[in-house]
Structure formats: C-alpha cells, structure tokens
N, C-alpha and C. Protein backbone atom coordinates (compact mmCIF):
# COMPACT_ATOMS: atom_id res chain seq x y z
N MET A 1 0.90 -1.39 0.24
CA MET A 1 0.08 0.11 0.25
C MET A 1 1.03 1.33 -0.17
N PRO A 2 0.79 2.34 -0.49
CA PRO A 2 1.52 3.25 -1.18
C PRO A 2 1.14 4.14 0.20
N LEU A 3 2.54 5.19 0.81
CA LEU A 3 2.43 5.78 1.64
C LEU A 3 1.69 7.02 1.40
N ASP A 4 0.78 7.75 2.36
CA ASP A 4 -0.13 9.05 2.30
C ASP A 4 0.98 10.02 2.43
N LEU A 5 2.34 10.39 1.77
CA LEU A 5 3.01 11.18 2.17
C LEU A 5 2.34 12.91 2.37
N PRO A 6 2.90 13.59 3.33
CA PRO A 6 2.52 14.94 2.86
C PRO A 6 2.86 15.07 1.81
N LYS A 7 2.44 16.42 1.31
CA LYS A 7 2.54 17.25 -0.20
C LYS A 7 3.68 17.49 -0.31
N PRO A 8 4.54 18.41 0.76
CA PRO A 8 5.64 18.59 0.76
C PRO A 8 6.60 17.28 0.39
N VAL A 9 6.66 16.61 1.04
CA VAL A 9 7.47 15.33 1.03
C VAL A 9 7.54 14.44 -0.09
N ALA A 10 5.69 14.34 -0.45
CA ALA A 10 5.76 13.83 -1.60
C ALA A 10 6.33 14.36 -3.32
N ALA A 11 6.29 15.78 -3.26
CA ALA A 11 6.72 16.49 -3.89
C ALA A 11 8.46 16.26 -3.86
N TYR A 12 8.96 16.06 -2.42
CA TYR A 12 10.22 15.88 -2.76
C TYR A 12 11.16 15.03 -3.04
N PHE A 13 10.23 13.57 -3.11
CA PHE A 13 10.28 12.26 -3.55
C PHE A 13 10.29 12.46 -4.82
N THR A 14 9.34 12.90 -5.23
CA THR A 14 9.38 13.05 -6.82
C THR A 14 10.32 13.70 -7.34
N ALA A 15 10.33 14.78 -6.99
CA ALA A 15 11.61 15.48 -7.92
C ALA A 15 13.18 15.22 -7.74
N ASP A 16 13.02 14.10 -6.36
CA ASP A 16 14.58 13.40 -6.35
C ASP A 16 14.53 12.35 -7.23
N ARG A 17 13.63 11.77 -8.09
CA ARG A 17 13.24 10.45 -8.89
C ARG A 17 13.33 11.24 -10.23
N ASP A 18 12.91 12.03 -10.20
CA ASP A 18 12.98 12.70 -12.04
C ASP A 18 14.32 13.81 -11.89
N ARG A 19 15.39 13.39 -11.82
CA ARG A 19 16.57 14.14 -11.45
C ARG A 19 16.91 15.14 -12.44
N GLY A 20 16.20 15.30 -13.76
CA GLY A 20 16.38 16.31 -14.77
C GLY A 20 15.87 17.62 -14.42
N ASP A 21 15.25 17.81 -13.53
CA ASP A 21 15.05 18.95 -13.24
C ASP A 21 15.20 19.46 -11.55
N SER A 22 16.42 19.56 -11.45
CA SER A 22 16.76 20.40 -10.30
C SER A 22 15.88 21.50 -9.57
N ASP A 23 15.47 22.13 -10.14
CA ASP A 23 14.53 23.38 -9.80
C ASP A 23 13.05 22.95 -9.12
N ALA A 24 12.86 21.35 -9.43
CA ALA A 24 11.75 21.07 -8.88
C ALA A 24 12.00 20.74 -7.20
N ILE A 25 13.52 19.95 -7.02
CA ILE A 25 14.09 19.85 -5.77
C ILE A 25 13.85 20.96 -4.79
N VAL A 26 14.26 22.47 -5.60
CA VAL A 26 14.68 23.61 -4.49
C VAL A 26 13.32 24.08 -4.40
N ARG A 27 12.23 24.03 -5.19
CA ARG A 27 10.81 24.40 -4.77
C ARG A 27 9.90 24.04 -3.84
N CYS A 28 10.83 22.57 -3.22
CA CYS A 28 10.03 21.98 -2.03
C CYS A 28 10.37 22.64 -0.96
N PHE A 29 11.79 23.87 -1.02
CA PHE A 29 11.93 23.91 0.38
C PHE A 29 11.75 25.37 0.83
N THR A 30 11.65 25.79 1.85
CA THR A 30 11.49 27.60 1.91
C THR A 30 12.94 28.03 1.80
N GLU A 31 13.19 29.43 1.43
CA GLU A 31 14.08 30.29 1.04
C GLU A 31 15.51 29.91 2.09
N ASP A 32 15.11 29.88 3.07
CA ASP A 32 16.44 29.81 4.06
C ASP A 32 16.20 28.08 4.63
N ALA A 33 15.83 27.29 4.01
CA ALA A 33 15.88 25.92 4.62
C ALA A 33 17.23 25.16 5.13
N VAL A 34 16.88 24.12 5.60
CA VAL A 34 18.41 23.92 6.36
C VAL A 34 18.50 22.51 5.71
N VAL A 35 19.67 22.09 5.45
CA VAL A 35 19.32 20.36 4.92
C VAL A 35 20.81 19.90 5.73
N LYS A 36 20.56 18.92 6.55
CA LYS A 36 21.77 18.24 6.94
C LYS A 36 22.00 16.97 6.32
N ASP A 37 23.05 16.19 5.82
CA ASP A 37 23.55 15.04 4.78
C ASP A 37 24.91 14.99 5.20
N GLU A 38 25.24 13.74 5.58
CA GLU A 38 26.60 13.53 5.46
C GLU A 38 27.11 13.99 6.14
N GLY A 39 27.10 14.70 7.22
CA GLY A 39 27.90 15.26 7.81
C GLY A 39 28.07 16.87 7.49
N ARG A 40 27.36 17.35 6.67
CA ARG A 40 27.31 18.92 6.47
C ARG A 40 26.01 19.02 6.41
N THR A 41 25.80 20.63 6.27
CA THR A 41 24.95 21.57 6.68
C THR A 41 25.13 22.38 5.19
N HIS A 42 23.74 22.53 4.86
CA HIS A 42 23.40 23.57 3.56
C HIS A 42 22.34 24.39 3.62
N VAL A 43 22.81 25.62 3.59
CA VAL A 43 21.55 26.75 4.18
C VAL A 43 20.98 27.55 2.88
N GLY A 44 19.82 27.36 2.62
CA GLY A 44 19.16 28.33 1.49
C GLY A 44 19.16 27.54 0.29
N ARG A 45 18.35 27.91 -0.42
CA ARG A 45 17.87 27.17 -1.81
C ARG A 45 18.87 26.85 -2.63
N SER A 46 19.76 27.94 -3.00
CA SER A 46 21.25 27.70 -3.86
C SER A 46 22.08 26.61 -3.06
N ALA A 47 22.45 26.79 -1.77
CA ALA A 47 23.00 25.61 -1.52
C ALA A 47 22.38 24.33 -1.35
N ILE A 48 20.86 24.16 -1.10
CA ILE A 48 20.72 22.77 -1.22
C ILE A 48 20.63 22.30 -2.89
N ALA A 49 20.52 23.12 -3.70
CA ALA A 49 20.30 23.17 -5.01
C ALA A 49 21.95 22.16 -5.42
N ALA A 50 22.98 22.81 -4.84
CA ALA A 50 24.27 22.56 -5.21
C ALA A 50 24.59 20.81 -4.58
N TRP A 51 23.83 21.00 -3.55
CA TRP A 51 23.89 19.61 -2.69
C TRP A 51 23.27 18.34 -3.53
N LYS A 52 21.87 18.79 -4.00
CA LYS A 52 21.19 17.50 -4.52
C LYS A 52 21.96 17.33 -6.10
N ALA A 53 22.73 18.32 -6.90
CA ALA A 53 23.14 18.36 -8.16
C ALA A 53 24.40 17.64 -7.91
N GLU A 54 25.16 17.61 -6.65
CA GLU A 54 26.31 17.15 -6.40
C GLU A 54 26.21 15.56 -6.03
N ALA A 55 24.98 15.33 -5.52
CA ALA A 55 24.51 13.77 -5.11
C ALA A 55 24.19 13.28 -6.24
N SER A 56 23.54 13.68 -6.95
CA SER A 56 22.95 13.29 -8.35
C SER A 56 24.10 13.01 -9.40
N THR A 57 24.90 13.57 -9.34
CA THR A 57 26.12 13.22 -10.49
C THR A 57 27.23 12.53 -9.99
N LYS A 58 27.29 12.25 -8.67
CA LYS A 58 28.13 11.40 -7.63
C LYS A 58 27.73 9.56 -7.61
N TYR A 59 26.36 10.01 -7.72
CA TYR A 59 25.86 8.50 -7.77
C TYR A 59 24.61 8.26 -8.32
N ASN A 60 24.38 6.91 -8.56
CA ASN A 60 23.12 6.38 -9.22
C ASN A 60 22.38 5.71 -8.21
N TYR A 61 21.64 6.03 -8.08
CA TYR A 61 20.15 5.65 -7.19
C TYR A 61 19.05 5.73 -6.98
N THR A 62 18.04 4.91 -6.54
CA THR A 62 16.78 4.78 -6.57
C THR A 62 16.38 4.81 -4.89
N SER A 63 15.06 5.65 -4.63
CA SER A 63 14.90 5.60 -3.21
C SER A 63 13.15 5.77 -3.14
N GLU A 64 13.08 4.82 -2.40
CA GLU A 64 11.67 4.24 -2.24
C GLU A 64 11.05 4.49 -0.74
N PRO A 65 10.31 5.40 -0.65
CA PRO A 65 9.98 5.48 0.86
C PRO A 65 9.11 4.38 1.28
N ILE A 66 9.50 3.91 2.35
CA ILE A 66 8.80 2.75 3.15
C ILE A 66 7.78 2.51 4.69
N ALA A 67 8.31 3.84 4.90
CA ALA A 67 7.58 4.01 6.28
C ALA A 67 7.14 5.43 6.72
N LEU A 68 6.30 6.10 7.39
CA LEU A 68 5.93 7.21 8.22
C LEU A 68 5.84 7.55 8.95
N GLU A 69 6.21 8.39 10.11
CA GLU A 69 5.80 8.71 11.52
C GLU A 69 5.96 10.21 11.70
N ASN A 70 4.83 10.42 12.66
CA ASN A 70 4.97 11.58 12.79
C ASN A 70 5.39 11.73 14.17
N ALA A 71 6.38 12.56 14.84
CA ALA A 71 7.05 12.99 15.94
C ALA A 71 6.96 14.50 16.29
N GLY A 72 6.15 14.90 16.95
CA GLY A 72 5.62 15.89 17.30
C GLY A 72 5.56 16.85 16.00
N ASP A 73 6.67 18.18 16.00
CA ASP A 73 6.68 18.88 14.67
C ASP A 73 7.33 18.22 13.62
N LYS A 74 7.53 17.10 13.69
CA LYS A 74 8.64 16.53 12.52
C LYS A 74 7.87 15.38 11.77
N THR A 75 8.08 15.16 10.79
CA THR A 75 7.70 14.16 9.74
C THR A 75 8.52 13.45 9.42
N ILE A 76 8.92 11.99 9.73
CA ILE A 76 9.62 11.17 9.67
C ILE A 76 9.50 10.16 8.63
N VAL A 77 10.36 9.95 7.69
CA VAL A 77 10.05 8.77 6.46
C VAL A 77 11.35 8.29 6.21
N THR A 78 11.08 6.79 6.30
CA THR A 78 12.37 5.95 6.06
C THR A 78 12.30 5.47 4.86
N SER A 79 13.41 5.43 4.02
CA SER A 79 13.21 5.52 2.59
C SER A 79 14.39 4.28 2.17
N HIS A 80 14.11 3.37 1.34
CA HIS A 80 14.92 2.23 1.30
C HIS A 80 15.99 2.64 -0.04
N LEU A 81 17.11 3.27 0.14
CA LEU A 81 17.89 3.34 -1.20
C LEU A 81 18.78 2.18 -1.87
N VAL A 82 18.50 2.30 -3.10
CA VAL A 82 19.52 0.93 -3.74
C VAL A 82 20.26 2.05 -4.61
N GLY A 83 21.83 1.60 -4.96
CA GLY A 83 22.44 2.39 -5.86
C GLY A 83 23.90 1.68 -5.90
N ASP A 84 24.75 2.81 -6.51
CA ASP A 84 26.38 2.66 -6.45
C ASP A 84 27.20 3.31 -5.68
N PHE A 85 26.58 3.47 -4.41
CA PHE A 85 27.30 4.21 -3.24
C PHE A 85 27.31 3.14 -2.18
N PRO A 86 28.66 3.54 -1.38
CA PRO A 86 29.14 2.60 -0.48
C PRO A 86 28.04 2.34 0.80
N GLY A 87 27.93 1.50 1.12
CA GLY A 87 26.88 1.07 1.61
C GLY A 87 25.31 0.86 1.34
N SER A 88 25.15 0.50 -0.08
CA SER A 88 24.39 0.40 -0.59
C SER A 88 23.82 -1.24 -0.69
N PRO A 89 22.50 -1.78 -0.43
CA PRO A 89 21.31 -0.98 -0.02
C PRO A 89 21.33 -0.57 1.31
N ILE A 90 20.26 0.59 1.61
CA ILE A 90 20.43 1.17 2.86
C ILE A 90 19.13 1.67 3.65
N ASP A 91 18.69 1.96 4.33
CA ASP A 91 17.36 2.60 4.68
C ASP A 91 17.99 3.72 5.93
N LEU A 92 17.33 4.76 5.03
CA LEU A 92 17.70 6.17 5.57
C LEU A 92 16.40 6.54 6.17
N ARG A 93 16.81 7.67 7.27
CA ARG A 93 15.41 8.65 7.71
C ARG A 93 15.86 9.89 7.81
N TYR A 94 14.48 10.48 6.60
CA TYR A 94 14.64 11.84 6.39
C TYR A 94 13.44 12.61 7.29
N ILE A 95 14.08 13.39 8.37
CA ILE A 95 13.41 13.93 9.11
C ILE A 95 13.10 15.59 8.79
N PHE A 96 11.79 15.52 8.36
CA PHE A 96 11.60 16.82 7.58
C PHE A 96 10.66 17.98 8.64
N ALA A 97 10.63 19.29 8.56
CA ALA A 97 10.21 19.86 9.24
C ALA A 97 9.74 21.08 8.29
N PHE A 98 8.25 21.22 8.66
CA PHE A 98 7.62 22.44 7.42
C PHE A 98 7.53 23.84 8.33
N ASP A 99 7.27 24.72 6.68
CA ASP A 99 6.66 26.19 7.01
C ASP A 99 5.79 26.34 5.99
N GLY A 100 4.53 26.04 6.46
CA GLY A 100 3.22 26.02 5.82
C GLY A 100 3.58 24.85 4.68
N ASP A 101 3.73 25.17 3.20
CA ASP A 101 3.59 23.80 2.33
C ASP A 101 4.77 23.68 1.85
N ARG A 102 5.97 24.28 2.73
CA ARG A 102 7.64 23.84 2.13
C ARG A 102 8.39 23.39 3.32
N ILE A 103 9.20 22.71 2.84
CA ILE A 103 10.38 22.00 3.56
C ILE A 103 11.11 23.42 4.17
N ALA A 104 11.07 23.51 5.94
CA ALA A 104 11.73 24.08 6.46
C ALA A 104 13.05 23.64 6.56
N SER A 105 13.22 22.19 7.21
CA SER A 105 14.28 21.36 7.38
C SER A 105 14.30 20.02 6.94
N LEU A 106 15.43 19.52 6.82
CA LEU A 106 15.54 18.05 6.35
C LEU A 106 16.62 17.54 6.98
N GLU A 107 16.87 16.63 7.72
CA GLU A 107 17.89 15.77 8.23
C GLU A 107 17.79 14.31 7.64
N ILE A 108 18.76 13.81 7.44
CA ILE A 108 18.89 12.57 6.46
C ILE A 108 19.82 11.79 7.31
N LYS A 109 19.46 10.80 8.19
CA LYS A 109 19.90 9.91 8.95
C LYS A 109 20.37 8.53 8.84
N VAL A 110 21.16 7.82 9.17
CA VAL A 110 21.30 6.16 8.73
C VAL A 110 20.25 5.75 10.22
C-alpha cells in the first residue's frame, strides 16, 4: 500500500526520482531551509541545489519511501535506497520540518 506522504514530502521524493529538473527539488524548500546530510549542513535554496546536484552526479540510486511517522512537529520518512554508493542498499531516515507547504528543514540519517 502506498504511503500517504504530506504534499511537500511527496513533491521532494518525486523530484528526487526525476533528477532532470533540479529546480523541482529547490521549490520544495523555503528560502532559508536547512539540510543536514553526510555530516554537512546546507543552508538556503542555492546551497540545497548544489547539494542535490552533487549527489545526483556522484551516485546513481533509487529511493523508495517505505515508512512514515510523525514525532511532534517532525515528519519522519524511512526510505530504502539502492545504488552505486558505499553501503548500498540502505534504509535512511528523512526527518522533515515544515513552514506552511514547504520544507523548512531536512535531516538525513542512517
């Protein structure tokens, strides 16, 4: 059964799957959003665009959300990633916080 993801989360995973449109990822975030991934912090839409562009050119992967939970003001999505990166396959936790209908913060953890 498909997960009933919040709109900004569904838009994020759809844009991540369709890597040809990097602007689609950026539109999911607020202007001053923060992303934490692989020990690095990316602040603002331009930094987030650079982060996604680097990851998309560095690795080939698929990401499939498999679980959803709410923890206070956070939405946590577990996604199964398979690709040509070290440690593949792996399940990652995407911890989202929102500002309206956009992502204000995203932290990706093992």
